[in-house]
Each structure stands twice: as structure tokens, then as C-alpha cells.
Amino acid sequence: MIRLTKIFTFETAHALWGYDGKCKNIHGHSYKLYVTVKGEPCNDIHHVKNGMVMDFGDLKSIVKKLIINPLDHAIILNAQTEHKKLGEQLQNQGHKVIFMNYQPTCENMLMDFADKIQLELPENIILAKLKLYETETSYGEWIREDQ
């Protein structure tokens, strides 16, 4: 079994409804997402992906489509709170707002990303780990073995 990791970056703002600290205010992060997959390398000399677990370009396409493109330079808000009204106002002014059905914490984003990515991976590839940096010194991890 071999693990491969691809790193992605994106800029996103969020606010945490009802939080008792600074993060209740709209603020942004330079997120860094590490996506690790695992599988057996292809062992077919006639296959174009011979020797690969997964083409890094294929992994990049999946993650960009599901995570990076929708979230980059957007604001994420919890649609189940009063932030929905604020988000609708921002949308009406032309801003890119993404409504989630959860509090947009690093932890909840990791669980959401894991669900989305695993569904798009080829059948023989397993999502092994996600690591999401919110700041240079703070990150969360989702690890398949812990689930």
C-alpha cells in the first residue's frame, strides 16, 4: 500500500455564529489542504498509469472541482443561523457566499471534504487523510483509521 499526498491552497472567509471569541466576526484564512490517498500501484505494463497509485493530475482535478473552485475567495456561512440573512445580503451585492448546513469550523469542513472527496475517487483508491491548516500554526486532521 502506497500513500500519495497533494497540497492545495485557497483563500476563504467565514464567521462562527454564536462563538464566544474573535472568530464570531467575519475573517479570512489562507487555508492549506493536504489530501492523502492510498492504494496499490498499477502493475500493468500496457496501462498508461502503470506504476501509479493515482495520477496527481486526476487527484488535483477532483479536489479543485469539489473544494477549491467553490470555496476560493468566498465567504462560508452557516445557513441554519442568522448568518443566512447576512449572506443573502452579501450575495445580492455580488459577493460569493457559500451556505453550509453546519458551523464552518476547521473540524466540520474536514468531515464535509472527506465525504465529498471519497465519493469521487476511483473505486480502488482510498482517502486516507486530510489535513487542513487554518493558520500557519493551527490545523485539523481527518484520518480514515479514526472513523
C-alpha atoms as a PDB file:
ATOM      1  CA  MET A   1       0.000   0.000   0.000  1.00  0.00           C
ATOM      2  CA  ILE A   2       1.341   3.397  -1.007  1.00  0.00           C
ATOM      3  CA  ARG A   3       0.152   6.816   0.158  1.00  0.00           C
ATOM      4  CA  LEU A   4       0.234   9.916  -2.032  1.00  0.00           C
ATOM      5  CA  THR A   5      -0.349  13.472  -0.847  1.00  0.00           C
ATOM      6  CA  LYS A   6      -1.221  16.563  -2.847  1.00  0.00           C
ATOM      7  CA  ILE A   7      -1.298  20.035  -1.263  1.00  0.00           C
ATOM      8  CA  PHE A   8      -3.828  22.734  -2.153  1.00  0.00           C
ATOM      9  CA  THR A   9      -4.239  26.339  -1.064  1.00  0.00           C
ATOM     10  CA  PHE A  10      -7.274  28.595  -1.108  1.00  0.00           C
ATOM     11  CA  GLU A  11      -8.412  31.880   0.416  1.00  0.00           C
ATOM     12  CA  THR A  12     -11.761  31.817   2.205  1.00  0.00           C
ATOM     13  CA  ALA A  13     -13.602  33.885   4.784  1.00  0.00           C
ATOM     14  CA  HIS A  14     -16.021  32.630   7.389  1.00  0.00           C
ATOM     15  CA  ALA A  15     -17.715  33.606  10.635  1.00  0.00           C
ATOM     16  CA  LEU A  16     -18.789  31.389  13.525  1.00  0.00           C
ATOM     17  CA  TRP A  17     -22.340  32.129  14.663  1.00  0.00           C
ATOM     18  CA  GLY A  18     -22.683  32.276  18.454  1.00  0.00           C
ATOM     19  CA  TYR A  19     -18.969  31.796  19.110  1.00  0.00           C
ATOM     20  CA  ASP A  20     -17.560  33.466  22.232  1.00  0.00           C
ATOM     21  CA  GLY A  21     -14.337  34.725  20.695  1.00  0.00           C
ATOM     22  CA  LYS A  22     -12.912  36.772  17.832  1.00  0.00           C
ATOM     23  CA  CYS A  23     -13.961  34.228  15.207  1.00  0.00           C
ATOM     24  CA  LYS A  24     -17.587  35.304  15.574  1.00  0.00           C
ATOM     25  CA  ASN A  25     -16.558  38.146  13.245  1.00  0.00           C
ATOM     26  CA  ILE A  26     -16.139  37.691   9.515  1.00  0.00           C
ATOM     27  CA  HIS A  27     -12.481  36.962   8.878  1.00  0.00           C
ATOM     28  CA  GLY A  28     -10.378  35.156   6.304  1.00  0.00           C
ATOM     29  CA  HIS A  29      -7.808  32.406   6.183  1.00  0.00           C
ATOM     30  CA  SER A  30      -5.160  31.262   3.764  1.00  0.00           C
ATOM     31  CA  TYR A  31      -6.140  27.604   4.002  1.00  0.00           C
ATOM     32  CA  LYS A  32      -3.730  24.825   3.140  1.00  0.00           C
ATOM     33  CA  LEU A  33      -5.304  21.417   2.487  1.00  0.00           C
ATOM     34  CA  TYR A  34      -3.254  18.207   2.376  1.00  0.00           C
ATOM     35  CA  VAL A  35      -5.104  15.352   0.678  1.00  0.00           C
ATOM     36  CA  THR A  36      -3.636  11.864   1.142  1.00  0.00           C
ATOM     37  CA  VAL A  37      -4.896   8.838  -0.755  1.00  0.00           C
ATOM     38  CA  LYS A  38      -3.697   5.253  -0.645  1.00  0.00           C
ATOM     39  CA  GLY A  39      -3.771   2.255  -2.905  1.00  0.00           C
ATOM     40  CA  GLU A  40      -1.684  -0.259  -4.825  1.00  0.00           C
ATOM     41  CA  PRO A  41       0.362   0.964  -7.786  1.00  0.00           C
ATOM     42  CA  CYS A  42      -0.900  -0.210 -11.156  1.00  0.00           C
ATOM     43  CA  ASN A  43       1.146  -3.195 -12.311  1.00  0.00           C
ATOM     44  CA  ASP A  44       0.094  -3.372 -15.957  1.00  0.00           C
ATOM     45  CA  ILE A  45       2.868  -2.522 -18.426  1.00  0.00           C
ATOM     46  CA  HIS A  46       0.244  -1.730 -21.080  1.00  0.00           C
ATOM     47  CA  HIS A  47      -1.724   0.704 -18.893  1.00  0.00           C
ATOM     48  CA  VAL A  48      -0.980   4.431 -19.286  1.00  0.00           C
ATOM     49  CA  LYS A  49      -0.887   4.805 -15.471  1.00  0.00           C
ATOM     50  CA  ASN A  50       1.498   1.868 -14.958  1.00  0.00           C
ATOM     51  CA  GLY A  51       3.424   2.266 -11.702  1.00  0.00           C
ATOM     52  CA  MET A  52       0.995   4.822 -10.266  1.00  0.00           C
ATOM     53  CA  VAL A  53      -1.452   4.585  -7.389  1.00  0.00           C
ATOM     54  CA  MET A  54      -3.241   7.593  -8.853  1.00  0.00           C
ATOM     55  CA  ASP A  55      -2.231  10.321 -11.247  1.00  0.00           C
ATOM     56  CA  PHE A  56      -1.593  13.516  -9.243  1.00  0.00           C
ATOM     57  CA  GLY A  57      -3.369  15.421 -12.024  1.00  0.00           C
ATOM     58  CA  ASP A  58      -6.520  13.335 -11.532  1.00  0.00           C
ATOM     59  CA  LEU A  59      -6.462  13.996  -7.786  1.00  0.00           C
ATOM     60  CA  LYS A  60      -5.941  17.697  -8.449  1.00  0.00           C
ATOM     61  CA  SER A  61      -8.960  17.791 -10.776  1.00  0.00           C
ATOM     62  CA  ILE A  62     -11.210  16.144  -8.185  1.00  0.00           C
ATOM     63  CA  VAL A  63     -10.191  18.395  -5.296  1.00  0.00           C
ATOM     64  CA  LYS A  64     -10.274  21.579  -7.359  1.00  0.00           C
ATOM     65  CA  LYS A  65     -13.790  20.769  -8.621  1.00  0.00           C
ATOM     66  CA  LEU A  66     -15.210  19.828  -5.210  1.00  0.00           C
ATOM     67  CA  ILE A  67     -13.361  22.094  -2.772  1.00  0.00           C
ATOM     68  CA  ILE A  68     -11.021  24.708  -4.203  1.00  0.00           C
ATOM     69  CA  ASN A  69     -13.082  26.253  -7.006  1.00  0.00           C
ATOM     70  CA  PRO A  70     -16.284  26.614  -4.954  1.00  0.00           C
ATOM     71  CA  LEU A  71     -14.583  27.938  -1.797  1.00  0.00           C
ATOM     72  CA  ASP A  72     -11.714  30.074  -3.080  1.00  0.00           C
ATOM     73  CA  HIS A  73     -12.374  33.766  -2.406  1.00  0.00           C
ATOM     74  CA  ALA A  74     -15.810  33.035  -0.955  1.00  0.00           C
ATOM     75  CA  ILE A  75     -17.345  33.552   2.432  1.00  0.00           C
ATOM     76  CA  ILE A  76     -18.706  30.461   4.187  1.00  0.00           C
ATOM     77  CA  LEU A  77     -21.677  30.917   6.500  1.00  0.00           C
ATOM     78  CA  ASN A  78     -23.914  28.581   8.491  1.00  0.00           C
ATOM     79  CA  ALA A  79     -27.300  28.535   6.724  1.00  0.00           C
ATOM     80  CA  GLN A  80     -29.026  27.371   9.911  1.00  0.00           C
ATOM     81  CA  THR A  81     -28.332  30.635  11.749  1.00  0.00           C
ATOM     82  CA  GLU A  82     -28.988  34.353  11.452  1.00  0.00           C
ATOM     83  CA  HIS A  83     -25.901  34.483   9.225  1.00  0.00           C
ATOM     84  CA  LYS A  84     -28.183  33.323   6.398  1.00  0.00           C
ATOM     85  CA  LYS A  85     -29.727  36.810   6.232  1.00  0.00           C
ATOM     86  CA  LEU A  86     -26.286  38.426   6.160  1.00  0.00           C
ATOM     87  CA  GLY A  87     -25.151  36.016   3.452  1.00  0.00           C
ATOM     88  CA  GLU A  88     -28.184  36.776   1.313  1.00  0.00           C
ATOM     89  CA  GLN A  89     -27.472  40.496   1.610  1.00  0.00           C
ATOM     90  CA  LEU A  90     -23.877  39.905   0.548  1.00  0.00           C
ATOM     91  CA  GLN A  91     -24.993  37.743  -2.392  1.00  0.00           C
ATOM     92  CA  ASN A  92     -27.359  40.488  -3.521  1.00  0.00           C
ATOM     93  CA  GLN A  93     -24.355  42.822  -3.591  1.00  0.00           C
ATOM     94  CA  GLY A  94     -22.437  40.404  -5.836  1.00  0.00           C
ATOM     95  CA  HIS A  95     -20.334  38.579  -3.258  1.00  0.00           C
ATOM     96  CA  LYS A  96     -19.555  34.858  -3.462  1.00  0.00           C
ATOM     97  CA  VAL A  97     -21.295  33.288  -0.473  1.00  0.00           C
ATOM     98  CA  ILE A  98     -21.383  29.567   0.276  1.00  0.00           C
ATOM     99  CA  PHE A  99     -24.004  28.378   2.739  1.00  0.00           C
ATOM    100  CA  MET A 100     -23.208  25.266   4.753  1.00  0.00           C
ATOM    101  CA  ASN A 101     -25.607  23.297   6.931  1.00  0.00           C
ATOM    102  CA  TYR A 102     -23.033  23.339   9.705  1.00  0.00           C
ATOM    103  CA  GLN A 103     -20.852  25.727  11.682  1.00  0.00           C
ATOM    104  CA  PRO A 104     -17.924  26.392   9.289  1.00  0.00           C
ATOM    105  CA  THR A 105     -15.155  25.289  11.636  1.00  0.00           C
ATOM    106  CA  CYS A 106     -11.997  23.543  10.516  1.00  0.00           C
ATOM    107  CA  GLU A 107     -13.338  20.322  12.065  1.00  0.00           C
ATOM    108  CA  ASN A 108     -16.669  20.386  10.244  1.00  0.00           C
ATOM    109  CA  MET A 109     -15.049  21.392   6.972  1.00  0.00           C
ATOM    110  CA  LEU A 110     -12.740  18.369   7.203  1.00  0.00           C
ATOM    111  CA  MET A 111     -15.660  15.967   7.637  1.00  0.00           C
ATOM    112  CA  ASP A 112     -17.510  17.589   4.731  1.00  0.00           C
ATOM    113  CA  PHE A 113     -14.436  17.488   2.480  1.00  0.00           C
ATOM    114  CA  ALA A 114     -13.797  13.829   3.329  1.00  0.00           C
ATOM    115  CA  ASP A 115     -17.339  12.827   2.362  1.00  0.00           C
ATOM    116  CA  LYS A 116     -17.172  14.722  -0.932  1.00  0.00           C
ATOM    117  CA  ILE A 117     -13.703  13.591  -2.000  1.00  0.00           C
ATOM    118  CA  GLN A 118     -14.168   9.897  -1.216  1.00  0.00           C
ATOM    119  CA  LEU A 119     -17.274   9.753  -3.415  1.00  0.00           C
ATOM    120  CA  GLU A 120     -15.297  10.997  -6.431  1.00  0.00           C
ATOM    121  CA  LEU A 121     -12.194   8.820  -6.063  1.00  0.00           C
ATOM    122  CA  PRO A 122     -11.728   5.773  -8.281  1.00  0.00           C
ATOM    123  CA  GLU A 123     -13.005   2.542  -6.728  1.00  0.00           C
ATOM    124  CA  ASN A 124      -9.544   1.205  -5.888  1.00  0.00           C
ATOM    125  CA  ILE A 125      -8.346   4.422  -4.200  1.00  0.00           C
ATOM    126  CA  ILE A 126      -8.993   5.177  -0.524  1.00  0.00           C
ATOM    127  CA  LEU A 127      -8.988   8.618   1.048  1.00  0.00           C
ATOM    128  CA  ALA A 128      -6.517   8.070   3.883  1.00  0.00           C
ATOM    129  CA  LYS A 129      -6.078  11.504   5.460  1.00  0.00           C
ATOM    130  CA  LEU A 130      -6.911  15.173   5.234  1.00  0.00           C
ATOM    131  CA  LYS A 131      -5.024  17.929   6.992  1.00  0.00           C
ATOM    132  CA  LEU A 132      -6.445  21.451   6.895  1.00  0.00           C
ATOM    133  CA  TYR A 133      -4.337  24.385   8.058  1.00  0.00           C
ATOM    134  CA  GLU A 134      -6.386  27.434   9.039  1.00  0.00           C
ATOM    135  CA  THR A 135      -3.309  29.375  10.037  1.00  0.00           C
ATOM    136  CA  GLU A 136       0.401  28.684   9.833  1.00  0.00           C
ATOM    137  CA  THR A 137       0.322  27.148  13.311  1.00  0.00           C
ATOM    138  CA  SER A 138      -3.197  25.662  13.571  1.00  0.00           C
ATOM    139  CA  TYR A 139      -4.643  22.704  11.698  1.00  0.00           C
ATOM    140  CA  GLY A 140      -7.090  19.843  11.993  1.00  0.00           C
ATOM    141  CA  GLU A 141      -6.823  16.291  10.696  1.00  0.00           C
ATOM    142  CA  TRP A 142      -9.281  13.712   9.428  1.00  0.00           C
ATOM    143  CA  ILE A 143      -7.782  10.198   9.366  1.00  0.00           C
ATOM    144  CA  ARG A 144      -9.628   7.222   7.848  1.00  0.00           C
ATOM    145  CA  GLU A 145      -8.471   4.821  10.593  1.00  0.00           C
ATOM    146  CA  ASP A 146     -10.098   7.038  13.224  1.00  0.00           C
ATOM    147  CA  GLN A 147     -13.521   6.818  11.601  1.00  0.00           C
END
